[in-house]
Amino acid sequence: MNKVFLITIFTIALLSFTSCYYDKEDLLYGNADCNTSLTKGPLFTQVESLITTKCSGGGCHMNGGRAGGYNFDNVCTIVSAWSQIQFSCVSNSRMPLGSPLNSSEKLIITNWIDAGHRYDN
């Protein structure tokens, strides 16, 4: 009975490790929300302008800067990092450093996110 029990546990453990899959859809299939062949939407245009204005100082996230691992020179990076942008700029007011967004700037990000946080929004 102990041998059967150990074999069962081993089999379950082995199956649980081998049944995992790579769950990064953006990396596997591209970011479906960032099809730059579509027309850039007005909400995204406002967010891009805000990020370009507020996040380029000091080489933090623009012009090659990768502070915290984020560089927003590519518009698709802005789209794919919507959750981190929302968390850091709207929820926690941690970013941009030294000059957090005011309520109207936070609303620009919130409106874009609520509309689906896509390139064509």
C-alpha atoms as a PDB file:
ATOM      1  CA  MET A   1       0.000   0.000   0.000  1.00  0.00           C
ATOM      2  CA  ASN A   2       2.829   2.437   0.792  1.00  0.00           C
ATOM      3  CA  LYS A   3       4.413   1.751  -2.588  1.00  0.00           C
ATOM      4  CA  VAL A   4       1.139   2.481  -4.427  1.00  0.00           C
ATOM      5  CA  PHE A   5       0.642   5.628  -2.379  1.00  0.00           C
ATOM      6  CA  LEU A   6       4.162   6.906  -3.180  1.00  0.00           C
ATOM      7  CA  ILE A   7       3.760   6.135  -6.894  1.00  0.00           C
ATOM      8  CA  THR A   8       0.426   7.986  -6.925  1.00  0.00           C
ATOM      9  CA  ILE A   9       1.897  11.040  -5.194  1.00  0.00           C
ATOM     10  CA  PHE A  10       4.907  11.002  -7.524  1.00  0.00           C
ATOM     11  CA  THR A  11       2.643  10.767 -10.590  1.00  0.00           C
ATOM     12  CA  ILE A  12       0.434  13.630  -9.425  1.00  0.00           C
ATOM     13  CA  ALA A  13       3.479  15.790  -8.700  1.00  0.00           C
ATOM     14  CA  LEU A  14       5.035  14.957 -12.059  1.00  0.00           C
ATOM     15  CA  LEU A  15       1.823  15.751 -13.928  1.00  0.00           C
ATOM     16  CA  SER A  16       1.333  19.020 -12.109  1.00  0.00           C
ATOM     17  CA  PHE A  17       4.804  20.214 -13.133  1.00  0.00           C
ATOM     18  CA  THR A  18       4.581  19.034 -16.727  1.00  0.00           C
ATOM     19  CA  SER A  19       1.081  20.350 -17.338  1.00  0.00           C
ATOM     20  CA  CYS A  20       2.090  23.985 -16.827  1.00  0.00           C
ATOM     21  CA  TYR A  21       2.235  26.187 -19.880  1.00  0.00           C
ATOM     22  CA  TYR A  22       3.692  29.545 -20.771  1.00  0.00           C
ATOM     23  CA  ASP A  23       0.884  31.985 -20.028  1.00  0.00           C
ATOM     24  CA  LYS A  24       2.187  35.215 -21.520  1.00  0.00           C
ATOM     25  CA  GLU A  25      -0.230  35.849 -24.359  1.00  0.00           C
ATOM     26  CA  ASP A  26       1.319  39.178 -25.336  1.00  0.00           C
ATOM     27  CA  LEU A  27       4.688  37.522 -25.818  1.00  0.00           C
ATOM     28  CA  LEU A  28       3.256  34.499 -27.595  1.00  0.00           C
ATOM     29  CA  TYR A  29       0.764  36.173 -29.889  1.00  0.00           C
ATOM     30  CA  GLY A  30       1.645  39.849 -29.819  1.00  0.00           C
ATOM     31  CA  ASN A  31      -0.385  42.482 -28.042  1.00  0.00           C
ATOM     32  CA  ALA A  32      -3.822  42.279 -29.646  1.00  0.00           C
ATOM     33  CA  ASP A  33      -4.715  45.643 -28.101  1.00  0.00           C
ATOM     34  CA  CYS A  34      -1.825  47.365 -29.890  1.00  0.00           C
ATOM     35  CA  ASN A  35      -2.442  46.994 -33.590  1.00  0.00           C
ATOM     36  CA  THR A  36      -0.618  50.044 -34.925  1.00  0.00           C
ATOM     37  CA  SER A  37      -2.092  49.503 -38.380  1.00  0.00           C
ATOM     38  CA  LEU A  38      -5.338  50.838 -36.878  1.00  0.00           C
ATOM     39  CA  THR A  39      -5.947  54.530 -36.375  1.00  0.00           C
ATOM     40  CA  LYS A  40      -4.605  55.790 -33.062  1.00  0.00           C
ATOM     41  CA  GLY A  41      -7.575  56.580 -30.838  1.00  0.00           C
ATOM     42  CA  PRO A  42      -8.178  59.919 -29.124  1.00  0.00           C
ATOM     43  CA  LEU A  43      -7.996  58.484 -25.591  1.00  0.00           C
ATOM     44  CA  PHE A  44      -4.708  56.740 -26.311  1.00  0.00           C
ATOM     45  CA  THR A  45      -3.366  59.899 -27.974  1.00  0.00           C
ATOM     46  CA  GLN A  46      -4.012  61.795 -24.726  1.00  0.00           C
ATOM     47  CA  VAL A  47      -2.298  59.084 -22.649  1.00  0.00           C
ATOM     48  CA  GLU A  48       0.686  58.965 -25.002  1.00  0.00           C
ATOM     49  CA  SER A  49       1.014  62.757 -24.845  1.00  0.00           C
ATOM     50  CA  LEU A  50       0.806  62.696 -21.048  1.00  0.00           C
ATOM     51  CA  ILE A  51       3.460  59.978 -20.784  1.00  0.00           C
ATOM     52  CA  THR A  52       5.708  61.718 -23.309  1.00  0.00           C
ATOM     53  CA  THR A  53       5.438  64.950 -21.321  1.00  0.00           C
ATOM     54  CA  LYS A  54       5.606  63.580 -17.775  1.00  0.00           C
ATOM     55  CA  CYS A  55       7.844  60.498 -18.112  1.00  0.00           C
ATOM     56  CA  SER A  56      10.655  61.732 -20.339  1.00  0.00           C
ATOM     57  CA  GLY A  57      12.416  63.925 -17.777  1.00  0.00           C
ATOM     58  CA  GLY A  58      15.642  62.593 -16.342  1.00  0.00           C
ATOM     59  CA  GLY A  59      15.720  59.749 -18.872  1.00  0.00           C
ATOM     60  CA  CYS A  60      13.405  57.689 -16.701  1.00  0.00           C
ATOM     61  CA  HIS A  61      11.045  55.922 -19.127  1.00  0.00           C
ATOM     62  CA  MET A  62      11.607  57.653 -22.482  1.00  0.00           C
ATOM     63  CA  ASN A  63      14.477  58.253 -24.892  1.00  0.00           C
ATOM     64  CA  GLY A  64      16.084  54.929 -24.056  1.00  0.00           C
ATOM     65  CA  GLY A  65      15.546  55.173 -20.278  1.00  0.00           C
ATOM     66  CA  ARG A  66      14.360  51.971 -18.578  1.00  0.00           C
ATOM     67  CA  ALA A  67      13.729  52.993 -14.970  1.00  0.00           C
ATOM     68  CA  GLY A  68      11.974  50.193 -13.132  1.00  0.00           C
ATOM     69  CA  GLY A  69      12.246  48.087 -16.291  1.00  0.00           C
ATOM     70  CA  TYR A  70       9.817  50.239 -18.309  1.00  0.00           C
ATOM     71  CA  ASN A  71      10.612  52.141 -21.478  1.00  0.00           C
ATOM     72  CA  PHE A  72       7.725  53.877 -23.241  1.00  0.00           C
ATOM     73  CA  ASP A  73       9.457  54.839 -26.501  1.00  0.00           C
ATOM     74  CA  ASN A  74       7.329  52.207 -28.246  1.00  0.00           C
ATOM     75  CA  VAL A  75       3.568  52.864 -28.135  1.00  0.00           C
ATOM     76  CA  CYS A  76       2.840  49.158 -27.710  1.00  0.00           C
ATOM     77  CA  THR A  77       4.789  49.184 -24.455  1.00  0.00           C
ATOM     78  CA  ILE A  78       2.420  51.844 -23.146  1.00  0.00           C
ATOM     79  CA  VAL A  79      -0.546  49.672 -24.112  1.00  0.00           C
ATOM     80  CA  SER A  80       0.862  46.504 -22.564  1.00  0.00           C
ATOM     81  CA  ALA A  81       1.905  48.283 -19.340  1.00  0.00           C
ATOM     82  CA  TRP A  82      -1.546  49.810 -18.738  1.00  0.00           C
ATOM     83  CA  SER A  83      -1.947  48.044 -15.389  1.00  0.00           C
ATOM     84  CA  GLN A  84       1.409  49.210 -14.060  1.00  0.00           C
ATOM     85  CA  ILE A  85       0.722  52.744 -15.301  1.00  0.00           C
ATOM     86  CA  GLN A  86      -2.651  52.729 -13.550  1.00  0.00           C
ATOM     87  CA  PHE A  87      -1.152  51.362 -10.334  1.00  0.00           C
ATOM     88  CA  SER A  88       1.845  53.710 -10.188  1.00  0.00           C
ATOM     89  CA  CYS A  89       0.276  56.906 -11.523  1.00  0.00           C
ATOM     90  CA  VAL A  90      -3.386  56.743 -10.528  1.00  0.00           C
ATOM     91  CA  SER A  91      -3.836  54.401  -7.563  1.00  0.00           C
ATOM     92  CA  ASN A  92      -0.638  55.065  -5.627  1.00  0.00           C
ATOM     93  CA  SER A  93       0.415  58.446  -7.054  1.00  0.00           C
ATOM     94  CA  ARG A  94       4.051  57.307  -6.991  1.00  0.00           C
ATOM     95  CA  MET A  95       4.804  58.406 -10.523  1.00  0.00           C
ATOM     96  CA  PRO A  96       6.105  60.574 -11.943  1.00  0.00           C
ATOM     97  CA  LEU A  97       8.689  61.047  -9.230  1.00  0.00           C
ATOM     98  CA  GLY A  98       8.591  64.480  -7.650  1.00  0.00           C
ATOM     99  CA  SER A  99       5.538  65.528  -9.636  1.00  0.00           C
ATOM    100  CA  PRO A 100       2.579  63.131  -9.242  1.00  0.00           C
ATOM    101  CA  LEU A 101      -0.290  63.513 -11.668  1.00  0.00           C
ATOM    102  CA  ASN A 102      -3.120  65.865 -10.818  1.00  0.00           C
ATOM    103  CA  SER A 103      -6.753  64.715 -10.885  1.00  0.00           C
ATOM    104  CA  SER A 104      -7.383  65.708 -14.525  1.00  0.00           C
ATOM    105  CA  GLU A 105      -4.232  63.855 -15.654  1.00  0.00           C
ATOM    106  CA  LYS A 106      -5.276  60.776 -13.679  1.00  0.00           C
ATOM    107  CA  LEU A 107      -8.680  60.981 -15.346  1.00  0.00           C
ATOM    108  CA  ILE A 108      -7.033  60.834 -18.789  1.00  0.00           C
ATOM    109  CA  ILE A 109      -5.430  57.502 -17.863  1.00  0.00           C
ATOM    110  CA  THR A 110      -8.578  56.207 -16.143  1.00  0.00           C
ATOM    111  CA  ASN A 111     -10.788  57.026 -19.142  1.00  0.00           C
ATOM    112  CA  TRP A 112      -8.441  55.190 -21.506  1.00  0.00           C
ATOM    113  CA  ILE A 113      -8.242  52.155 -19.216  1.00  0.00           C
ATOM    114  CA  ASP A 114     -12.014  52.066 -18.704  1.00  0.00           C
ATOM    115  CA  ALA A 115     -12.492  52.177 -22.486  1.00  0.00           C
ATOM    116  CA  GLY A 116     -10.384  49.036 -22.903  1.00  0.00           C
ATOM    117  CA  HIS A 117      -6.787  50.373 -22.757  1.00  0.00           C
ATOM    118  CA  ARG A 118      -6.151  49.793 -26.463  1.00  0.00           C
ATOM    119  CA  TYR A 119      -4.184  51.656 -29.115  1.00  0.00           C
ATOM    120  CA  ASP A 120      -7.328  52.464 -31.070  1.00  0.00           C
ATOM    121  CA  ASN A 121      -9.364  53.771 -28.099  1.00  0.00           C
END
